Amino acid sequence: MIGLAALAIGYVLSQFYRSFLAVLTPALTTELGATKAELSMASGAWFVVFALMQFVVGVSLDRYGPRRTAAFLLTVCGGGGALMFAFASTPETIILAMALNGAGCSAVLMASVFIFAKSFSAGRLTILISWLIAFGTLGNVVGSAPMAAAAEAFGWRSVMGGLAFFTILTGIAIQFLVRDPEPAGESEREKGLGFNGYRELLSLRVLWPILPLTALNYAPAAGIRGLWAGPYLADVYGADALMIGQATLFMALAMSAGSFVYGPLDVFFRTRKWVAVGGNLIGLFAILILAVVPVSSIVTTTVVLVVIGLCGASYGLLMAHGRAFVPAHLTGRGVTLLNFFSVGGAGVMQFLTGGVVSASTVPGDPVAAYQTLFIFYAFLIALSLAIYLVCKDAPPEMERAHGS
């Protein structure tokens, strides 16, 4: 249990690092001359590298176990990336630091999910993942108003240096405290499948309609909370760093609460598919509100952002839905494949939305770019929901009946 606590703290750090750039936008723009496109690239680099690392992490989990995999990456790459960020003197260094940090954070959640999948019943998987996500989302909270206040009080470089040290300590704690689950009888052939295991997974057609929503359900909440909330509130409402921090704090709290709410709903309603459809449909309507009415009051906008954060927290539910169809001997690769689509989708969207905002910017009219941004998010969520509607459901009782 204490090992899972160390992994959970590592996941708090992972959530922090993917979301703190929004509140540092004014400082990085002023001190380093970073543009919106460069900050978008830095944020996207974190997500894309994190996503690509899932293939390495998946094979490592099945071969070497969660302890060594998570400890090494978080200590060397996670702490190293944060330290590089603290000493950055150019926007290019910020991009490189975020990419390295993304690699470092790539295993902490999957190590926990691997242990859950190997050690607990399948029917409990949604609630375990969702509640871990909810706890980890405290990193989103720390990356909002508290990060803005700390950066203003101590300077962002000092804060990042302290976080680098804490990240390294957390990685060391994982190495000494985490216990790998007992092997479940996988043969050496199965462990030796390597990257071919992903080919086997991708041949499972039952997963195909689940993957688009897995890739995009988190993207609007992650993108707006971690990147676009700062520029949007500053450009449209003239918000300062502290006001941005407060608005993103509420959104971060909503994302955490959303994971708690989604957690038991599949058991309560005896369906995963329709809980995911209902929650993401509400989130889609909230995004459409911003697309249709991009300027109202900052209070109303914050409320809509809260709804987007709340409904965009269906990650644990979709992970459990996809995991239900993954063979036991490919557990590590299965959960990391799903995570690749989730985080990779969010990362690609960071790059794409940077281009969308740049291409639709109208001098003297800051609203135009953000309205286009919200329309873009809404279109992709609607498309992924339409595809998801044809997927096969995987109620928790079905897994228990089959002994998954």
Protein backbone atom coordinates (compact mmCIF):
# COMPACT_ATOMS: atom_id res chain seq x y z
CA MET A 1 0.00 0.00 0.00
CA ILE A 2 2.83 2.43 0.82
CA GLY A 3 4.29 1.70 -2.61
CA LEU A 4 1.01 2.66 -4.27
CA ALA A 5 1.10 5.87 -2.22
CA ALA A 6 4.53 6.68 -3.69
CA LEU A 7 3.20 6.02 -7.20
CA ALA A 8 0.16 8.20 -6.45
CA ILE A 9 2.46 11.09 -5.46
CA GLY A 10 4.36 10.53 -8.69
CA TYR A 11 1.07 10.80 -10.55
CA VAL A 12 0.28 14.08 -8.77
CA LEU A 13 3.57 15.37 -10.17
CA SER A 14 2.65 14.06 -13.63
CA GLN A 15 -0.65 15.95 -13.54
CA PHE A 16 1.13 19.09 -12.35
CA TYR A 17 3.75 19.07 -15.09
CA ARG A 18 1.18 18.68 -17.85
CA SER A 19 -0.87 21.66 -16.68
CA PHE A 20 1.27 24.36 -15.03
CA LEU A 21 2.32 26.23 -18.19
CA ALA A 22 -0.95 28.19 -18.34
CA VAL A 23 -0.17 30.21 -15.22
CA LEU A 24 3.45 30.85 -16.28
CA THR A 25 2.38 32.26 -19.65
CA PRO A 26 2.93 35.92 -18.67
CA ALA A 27 6.35 35.26 -17.07
CA LEU A 28 7.69 33.07 -19.88
CA THR A 29 6.46 35.53 -22.47
CA THR A 30 8.09 38.48 -20.72
CA GLU A 31 11.38 36.89 -19.61
CA LEU A 32 12.09 34.46 -22.46
CA GLY A 33 10.07 35.99 -25.29
CA ALA A 34 8.06 32.77 -25.69
CA THR A 35 5.17 33.06 -28.14
CA LYS A 36 1.79 31.33 -27.88
CA ALA A 37 2.85 28.93 -30.63
CA GLU A 38 6.07 28.05 -28.77
CA LEU A 39 4.22 27.47 -25.50
CA SER A 40 1.70 25.36 -27.41
CA MET A 41 4.62 23.36 -28.82
CA ALA A 42 6.15 22.94 -25.34
CA SER A 43 2.88 21.66 -23.94
CA GLY A 44 2.34 19.44 -26.96
CA ALA A 45 5.90 18.07 -26.69
CA TRP A 46 5.17 16.88 -23.15
CA PHE A 47 2.06 15.01 -24.28
CA VAL A 48 3.51 13.57 -27.50
CA VAL A 49 6.70 12.25 -25.87
CA PHE A 50 4.65 10.92 -22.95
CA ALA A 51 2.37 9.16 -25.44
CA LEU A 52 5.18 7.66 -27.56
CA MET A 53 6.88 6.39 -24.42
CA GLN A 54 3.82 4.26 -23.68
CA PHE A 55 5.08 1.58 -26.08
CA VAL A 56 8.40 1.36 -24.23
CA VAL A 57 6.62 1.49 -20.87
CA GLY A 58 4.18 -1.27 -21.86
CA VAL A 59 6.93 -3.72 -22.81
CA SER A 60 8.93 -2.73 -19.71
CA LEU A 61 5.98 -3.31 -17.39
CA ASP A 62 5.43 -6.82 -18.73
CA ARG A 63 9.15 -7.67 -18.73
CA TYR A 64 10.68 -5.79 -15.79
CA GLY A 65 7.72 -4.84 -13.61
CA PRO A 66 6.29 -1.49 -12.50
CA ARG A 67 8.83 -0.70 -9.76
CA ARG A 68 11.99 -0.41 -11.85
CA THR A 69 10.18 1.06 -14.85
CA ALA A 70 8.51 3.93 -12.99
CA ALA A 71 11.41 4.67 -10.63
CA PHE A 72 14.04 5.00 -13.35
CA LEU A 73 12.00 7.19 -15.67
CA LEU A 74 10.64 9.54 -12.99
CA THR A 75 14.03 10.02 -11.31
CA VAL A 76 16.22 10.51 -14.38
CA CYS A 77 13.88 12.04 -16.96
CA GLY A 78 11.19 13.58 -14.75
CA GLY A 79 13.58 15.25 -12.32
CA GLY A 80 16.06 16.05 -15.09
CA GLY A 81 13.42 17.74 -17.24
CA ALA A 82 12.19 19.89 -14.33
CA LEU A 83 15.76 20.91 -13.55
CA MET A 84 16.38 21.85 -17.19
CA PHE A 85 13.21 23.96 -17.12
CA ALA A 86 14.44 25.80 -14.03
CA PHE A 87 17.64 26.86 -15.83
CA ALA A 88 16.07 27.52 -19.26
CA SER A 89 17.12 30.69 -21.07
CA THR A 90 15.27 30.22 -24.38
CA PRO A 91 11.85 28.94 -25.50
CA GLU A 92 13.62 26.06 -27.27
CA THR A 93 15.06 24.89 -23.95
CA ILE A 94 11.59 25.02 -22.42
CA ILE A 95 10.31 22.77 -25.22
CA LEU A 96 13.17 20.29 -24.71
CA ALA A 97 12.70 20.30 -20.93
CA MET A 98 9.00 19.60 -21.26
CA ALA A 99 9.70 16.73 -23.68
CA LEU A 100 12.20 15.15 -21.27
CA ASN A 101 9.82 15.59 -18.35
CA GLY A 102 7.02 13.98 -20.35
CA ALA A 103 9.18 10.88 -20.78
CA GLY A 104 9.85 10.88 -17.05
CA CYS A 105 6.18 10.99 -16.11
CA SER A 106 5.12 8.37 -18.65
CA ALA A 107 5.15 5.32 -16.37
CA VAL A 108 3.75 6.34 -12.97
CA LEU A 109 0.06 5.99 -13.80
CA MET A 110 0.52 2.88 -15.92
CA ALA A 111 2.58 1.23 -13.17
CA SER A 112 -0.36 1.75 -10.82
CA VAL A 113 -2.92 0.54 -13.37
CA PHE A 114 -0.76 -2.54 -14.03
CA ILE A 115 -0.74 -3.37 -10.31
CA PHE A 116 -4.51 -2.80 -10.10
CA ALA A 117 -5.17 -5.05 -13.10
CA LYS A 118 -2.95 -7.83 -11.74
CA SER A 119 -3.98 -7.61 -8.08
CA PHE A 120 -7.69 -6.67 -7.98
CA SER A 121 -10.90 -7.93 -9.58
CA ALA A 122 -11.80 -6.52 -12.99
CA GLY A 123 -15.10 -5.17 -11.69
CA ARG A 124 -13.19 -2.79 -9.37
CA LEU A 125 -10.89 -1.46 -12.08
CA THR A 126 -12.96 1.60 -13.04
CA ILE A 127 -13.28 2.88 -9.49
CA LEU A 128 -9.62 2.21 -8.64
CA ILE A 129 -8.34 4.02 -11.74
CA SER A 130 -10.86 6.85 -11.44
CA TRP A 131 -10.09 7.51 -7.80
CA LEU A 132 -6.36 7.41 -8.46
CA ILE A 133 -6.94 9.93 -11.25
CA ALA A 134 -9.00 12.05 -8.86
CA PHE A 135 -6.18 12.06 -6.32
CA GLY A 136 -3.58 12.71 -8.99
CA THR A 137 -5.57 15.64 -10.33
CA LEU A 138 -4.51 17.47 -7.18
CA GLY A 139 -1.46 18.17 -9.33
CA ASN A 140 -3.76 20.17 -11.59
CA VAL A 141 -4.90 22.08 -8.51
CA VAL A 142 -1.32 22.79 -7.41
CA GLY A 143 -0.52 23.88 -10.96
CA SER A 144 -3.16 26.61 -10.89
CA ALA A 145 -3.54 29.30 -8.20
CA PRO A 146 -0.92 27.82 -5.81
CA MET A 147 1.69 27.70 -8.59
CA ALA A 148 0.84 31.26 -9.63
CA ALA A 149 1.22 32.47 -6.03
CA ALA A 150 4.46 30.54 -5.47
CA ALA A 151 5.99 31.80 -8.73
CA GLU A 152 5.11 35.37 -7.80
CA ALA A 153 6.52 35.00 -4.28
CA PHE A 154 9.72 33.03 -4.99
CA GLY A 155 10.20 33.24 -8.75
CA TRP A 156 9.35 30.48 -11.18
CA ARG A 157 12.94 29.26 -11.46
CA SER A 158 13.25 28.61 -7.72
CA VAL A 159 9.90 26.85 -7.64
CA MET A 160 10.85 24.59 -10.56
CA GLY A 161 14.19 23.78 -8.94
CA GLY A 162 12.42 22.71 -5.76
CA LEU A 163 9.98 20.59 -7.75
CA ALA A 164 12.88 18.90 -9.57
CA PHE A 165 14.39 17.88 -6.22
CA PHE A 166 11.04 16.57 -4.96
CA THR A 167 10.51 14.63 -8.18
CA ILE A 168 13.86 12.88 -7.80
CA LEU A 169 13.05 11.98 -4.19
CA THR A 170 9.69 10.53 -5.29
CA GLY A 171 11.40 8.38 -7.92
CA ILE A 172 13.80 7.03 -5.30
CA ALA A 173 10.87 6.28 -2.98
CA ILE A 174 9.15 4.28 -5.74
CA GLN A 175 12.32 2.20 -6.19
CA PHE A 176 12.41 1.22 -2.52
CA LEU A 177 8.70 1.03 -1.61
CA VAL A 178 6.83 -0.45 -4.60
CA ARG A 179 6.33 -4.22 -4.75
CA ASP A 180 5.80 -5.82 -8.13
CA PRO A 181 2.74 -8.11 -8.36
CA GLU A 182 3.34 -11.84 -8.46
CA PRO A 183 3.71 -13.21 -12.02
CA ALA A 184 0.40 -14.58 -13.30
CA GLY A 185 1.96 -17.52 -15.13
CA GLU A 186 2.83 -15.74 -18.38
CA SER A 187 5.17 -17.82 -20.51
CA GLU A 188 8.53 -16.54 -21.68
CA ARG A 189 7.06 -16.50 -25.20
CA GLU A 190 4.31 -14.15 -24.08
CA LYS A 191 6.74 -11.91 -22.23
CA GLY A 192 8.99 -11.96 -25.26
CA LEU A 193 6.35 -10.72 -27.65
CA GLY A 194 7.85 -7.24 -27.30
CA PHE A 195 6.33 -4.69 -29.65
CA ASN A 196 4.55 -7.47 -31.56
CA GLY A 197 2.14 -7.56 -28.64
CA TYR A 198 0.81 -4.21 -29.84
CA ARG A 199 0.15 -5.69 -33.25
CA GLU A 200 -1.94 -8.39 -31.59
CA LEU A 201 -3.87 -5.76 -29.64
CA LEU A 202 -4.53 -3.59 -32.69
CA SER A 203 -5.95 -6.60 -34.49
CA LEU A 204 -8.79 -6.71 -31.94
CA ARG A 205 -11.59 -4.98 -33.84
CA VAL A 206 -13.66 -4.68 -30.67
CA LEU A 207 -11.21 -1.97 -29.53
CA TRP A 208 -11.39 0.14 -32.69
CA PRO A 209 -14.54 2.20 -31.97
CA ILE A 210 -13.39 2.79 -28.38
CA LEU A 211 -10.06 4.34 -29.38
CA PRO A 212 -11.23 7.67 -30.93
CA LEU A 213 -13.15 8.75 -27.81
CA THR A 214 -10.27 7.50 -25.65
CA ALA A 215 -8.00 9.75 -27.70
CA LEU A 216 -10.20 12.84 -27.54
CA ASN A 217 -12.37 12.79 -24.40
CA TYR A 218 -9.59 14.32 -22.28
CA ALA A 219 -8.22 16.69 -24.91
CA PRO A 220 -10.54 19.71 -24.40
CA ALA A 221 -10.23 19.67 -20.60
CA ALA A 222 -6.46 19.11 -20.74
CA GLY A 223 -5.88 21.64 -23.51
CA ILE A 224 -8.03 24.39 -22.06
CA ARG A 225 -6.92 23.84 -18.47
CA GLY A 226 -3.24 23.34 -19.25
CA LEU A 227 -2.70 25.79 -22.10
CA TRP A 228 -5.55 27.89 -23.49
CA ALA A 229 -7.30 29.09 -20.34
CA GLY A 230 -4.45 31.51 -19.64
CA PRO A 231 -4.31 33.23 -23.04
CA TYR A 232 -8.12 33.12 -23.44
CA LEU A 233 -8.87 34.76 -20.10
CA ALA A 234 -6.02 37.26 -20.53
CA ASP A 235 -6.88 38.27 -24.11
CA VAL A 236 -10.68 38.30 -23.84
CA TYR A 237 -11.23 39.35 -20.22
CA GLY A 238 -7.94 41.09 -19.37
CA ALA A 239 -7.35 38.63 -16.52
CA ASP A 240 -4.03 38.74 -14.65
CA ALA A 241 -2.03 35.70 -13.46
CA LEU A 242 -3.86 35.43 -10.13
CA MET A 243 -7.31 35.61 -11.76
CA ILE A 244 -6.24 33.00 -14.31
CA GLY A 245 -4.95 30.89 -11.42
CA GLN A 246 -8.31 31.10 -9.64
CA ALA A 247 -10.32 30.15 -12.72
CA THR A 248 -8.04 27.23 -13.55
CA LEU A 249 -8.13 26.15 -9.90
CA PHE A 250 -11.91 25.70 -10.12
CA MET A 251 -11.52 23.79 -13.37
CA ALA A 252 -8.83 21.57 -11.84
CA LEU A 253 -11.02 20.83 -8.83
CA ALA A 254 -13.83 19.91 -11.21
CA MET A 255 -11.56 17.50 -13.09
CA SER A 256 -10.68 15.82 -9.81
CA ALA A 257 -14.32 15.67 -8.72
CA GLY A 258 -15.28 14.30 -12.12
CA SER A 259 -13.01 11.30 -11.65
CA PHE A 260 -14.64 10.56 -8.29
CA VAL A 261 -18.09 10.88 -9.86
CA TYR A 262 -17.35 8.65 -12.86
CA GLY A 263 -15.71 5.99 -10.65
CA PRO A 264 -18.75 4.07 -9.34
CA LEU A 265 -21.22 4.93 -12.12
CA ASP A 266 -20.52 1.88 -14.29
CA VAL A 267 -21.41 -0.41 -11.37
CA PHE A 268 -24.45 1.70 -10.44
CA PHE A 269 -25.88 1.83 -13.97
CA ARG A 270 -24.42 -1.55 -15.05
CA THR A 271 -22.94 -0.06 -18.20
CA ARG A 272 -19.71 1.62 -19.17
CA LYS A 273 -20.65 2.61 -22.68
CA TRP A 274 -23.70 4.70 -21.84
CA VAL A 275 -22.12 6.40 -18.84
CA ALA A 276 -19.29 7.52 -21.16
CA VAL A 277 -21.77 8.67 -23.81
CA GLY A 278 -23.86 10.67 -21.33
CA GLY A 279 -20.92 12.37 -19.63
CA ASN A 280 -19.12 13.32 -22.83
CA LEU A 281 -22.35 14.55 -24.40
CA ILE A 282 -22.80 17.02 -21.53
CA GLY A 283 -19.18 18.10 -21.99
CA LEU A 284 -19.83 18.61 -25.70
CA PHE A 285 -22.76 20.92 -24.95
CA ALA A 286 -20.56 22.96 -22.59
CA ILE A 287 -17.90 23.40 -25.29
CA LEU A 288 -20.63 24.47 -27.74
CA ILE A 289 -21.72 27.16 -25.28
CA LEU A 290 -18.22 28.69 -25.45
CA ALA A 291 -18.24 28.32 -29.23
CA VAL A 292 -21.58 30.12 -29.59
CA VAL A 293 -21.09 32.66 -26.77
CA PRO A 294 -17.31 33.09 -26.37
CA VAL A 295 -17.74 36.35 -24.41
CA SER A 296 -20.13 36.65 -21.47
CA SER A 297 -18.89 37.26 -17.94
CA ILE A 298 -15.80 35.72 -16.40
CA VAL A 299 -18.01 34.03 -13.78
CA THR A 300 -20.20 32.39 -16.43
CA THR A 301 -17.16 31.35 -18.42
CA THR A 302 -15.57 29.83 -15.32
CA VAL A 303 -18.74 27.83 -14.64
CA VAL A 304 -18.67 26.47 -18.20
CA LEU A 305 -14.98 25.59 -17.81
CA VAL A 306 -15.89 23.72 -14.62
CA VAL A 307 -18.48 21.65 -16.51
CA ILE A 308 -15.93 20.85 -19.24
CA GLY A 309 -13.45 19.73 -16.57
CA LEU A 310 -16.07 17.65 -14.75
CA CYS A 311 -17.28 15.83 -17.86
CA GLY A 312 -13.84 15.40 -19.41
CA ALA A 313 -12.75 13.08 -16.59
CA SER A 314 -14.01 9.83 -18.14
CA TYR A 315 -10.47 8.48 -18.62
CA GLY A 316 -10.75 5.77 -15.94
CA LEU A 317 -14.08 4.59 -17.31
CA LEU A 318 -12.75 4.32 -20.88
CA MET A 319 -9.58 2.59 -19.69
CA ALA A 320 -11.67 -0.04 -17.91
CA HIS A 321 -13.92 -0.39 -20.97
CA GLY A 322 -10.97 -1.07 -23.27
CA ARG A 323 -9.11 -3.21 -20.69
CA ALA A 324 -12.10 -5.58 -20.60
CA PHE A 325 -11.15 -6.81 -24.09
CA VAL A 326 -7.36 -7.09 -23.52
CA PRO A 327 -5.82 -10.58 -23.06
CA ALA A 328 -4.34 -11.10 -19.59
CA HIS A 329 -0.79 -11.75 -20.86
CA LEU A 330 -0.81 -8.35 -22.59
CA THR A 331 -2.00 -6.33 -19.61
CA GLY A 332 0.96 -3.95 -19.57
CA ARG A 333 0.88 -3.34 -23.28
CA GLY A 334 -2.92 -3.15 -23.28
CA VAL A 335 -3.21 -0.38 -20.69
CA THR A 336 -0.33 1.56 -22.22
CA LEU A 337 -1.86 1.30 -25.69
CA LEU A 338 -5.06 2.85 -24.35
CA ASN A 339 -3.03 5.46 -22.50
CA PHE A 340 -1.09 6.20 -25.68
CA PHE A 341 -4.32 7.13 -27.44
CA SER A 342 -5.55 9.16 -24.47
CA VAL A 343 -2.42 11.23 -23.87
CA GLY A 344 -1.30 11.15 -27.48
CA GLY A 345 -4.65 12.55 -28.56
CA ALA A 346 -4.31 15.35 -26.04
CA GLY A 347 -0.75 16.03 -27.21
CA VAL A 348 -1.58 16.12 -30.90
CA MET A 349 -4.47 18.42 -30.07
CA GLN A 350 -2.06 20.82 -28.36
CA PHE A 351 -0.14 21.14 -31.63
CA LEU A 352 -3.26 21.30 -33.78
CA THR A 353 -4.99 23.88 -31.60
CA GLY A 354 -1.87 26.03 -31.68
CA GLY A 355 -2.16 26.08 -35.46
CA VAL A 356 -5.92 26.68 -35.30
CA VAL A 357 -5.50 29.69 -33.01
CA SER A 358 -2.62 31.13 -35.06
CA ALA A 359 -4.48 30.69 -38.36
CA SER A 360 -7.73 32.21 -37.08
CA THR A 361 -6.24 35.17 -35.20
CA VAL A 362 -7.73 38.48 -36.34
CA PRO A 363 -5.83 41.64 -35.36
CA GLY A 364 -7.92 43.70 -32.97
CA ASP A 365 -10.41 40.86 -32.41
CA PRO A 366 -9.07 38.35 -29.84
CA VAL A 367 -12.43 36.57 -29.68
CA ALA A 368 -12.28 35.15 -33.22
CA ALA A 369 -9.37 32.79 -32.58
CA TYR A 370 -10.85 31.32 -29.41
CA GLN A 371 -14.30 30.88 -30.94
CA THR A 372 -12.69 28.87 -33.74
CA LEU A 373 -10.77 26.88 -31.13
CA PHE A 374 -13.95 25.87 -29.30
CA ILE A 375 -15.71 24.96 -32.55
CA PHE A 376 -12.74 22.73 -33.42
CA TYR A 377 -12.91 20.95 -30.05
CA ALA A 378 -16.68 20.48 -30.35
CA PHE A 379 -16.48 19.00 -33.85
CA LEU A 380 -13.90 16.37 -32.88
CA ILE A 381 -15.69 15.34 -29.69
CA ALA A 382 -18.95 14.97 -31.64
CA LEU A 383 -17.21 12.84 -34.28
CA SER A 384 -15.55 10.55 -31.72
CA LEU A 385 -18.85 10.13 -29.87
CA ALA A 386 -20.59 9.14 -33.10
CA ILE A 387 -17.98 6.42 -33.68
CA TYR A 388 -18.13 5.26 -30.05
CA LEU A 389 -21.87 4.63 -30.36
CA VAL A 390 -21.19 1.44 -32.37
CA CYS A 391 -18.82 -0.09 -29.77
CA LYS A 392 -19.60 -3.15 -27.66
CA ASP A 393 -20.43 -2.47 -24.02
CA ALA A 394 -18.42 -4.12 -21.21
CA PRO A 395 -20.48 -3.96 -17.99
CA PRO A 396 -18.53 -4.89 -14.83
CA GLU A 397 -20.78 -7.92 -14.21
CA MET A 398 -19.87 -9.28 -17.67
CA GLU A 399 -16.21 -9.32 -16.69
CA ARG A 400 -16.95 -11.04 -13.39
CA ALA A 401 -19.03 -13.66 -15.20
CA HIS A 402 -16.13 -14.40 -17.55
CA GLY A 403 -13.53 -14.26 -14.79
CA SER A 404 -11.52 -11.54 -16.52
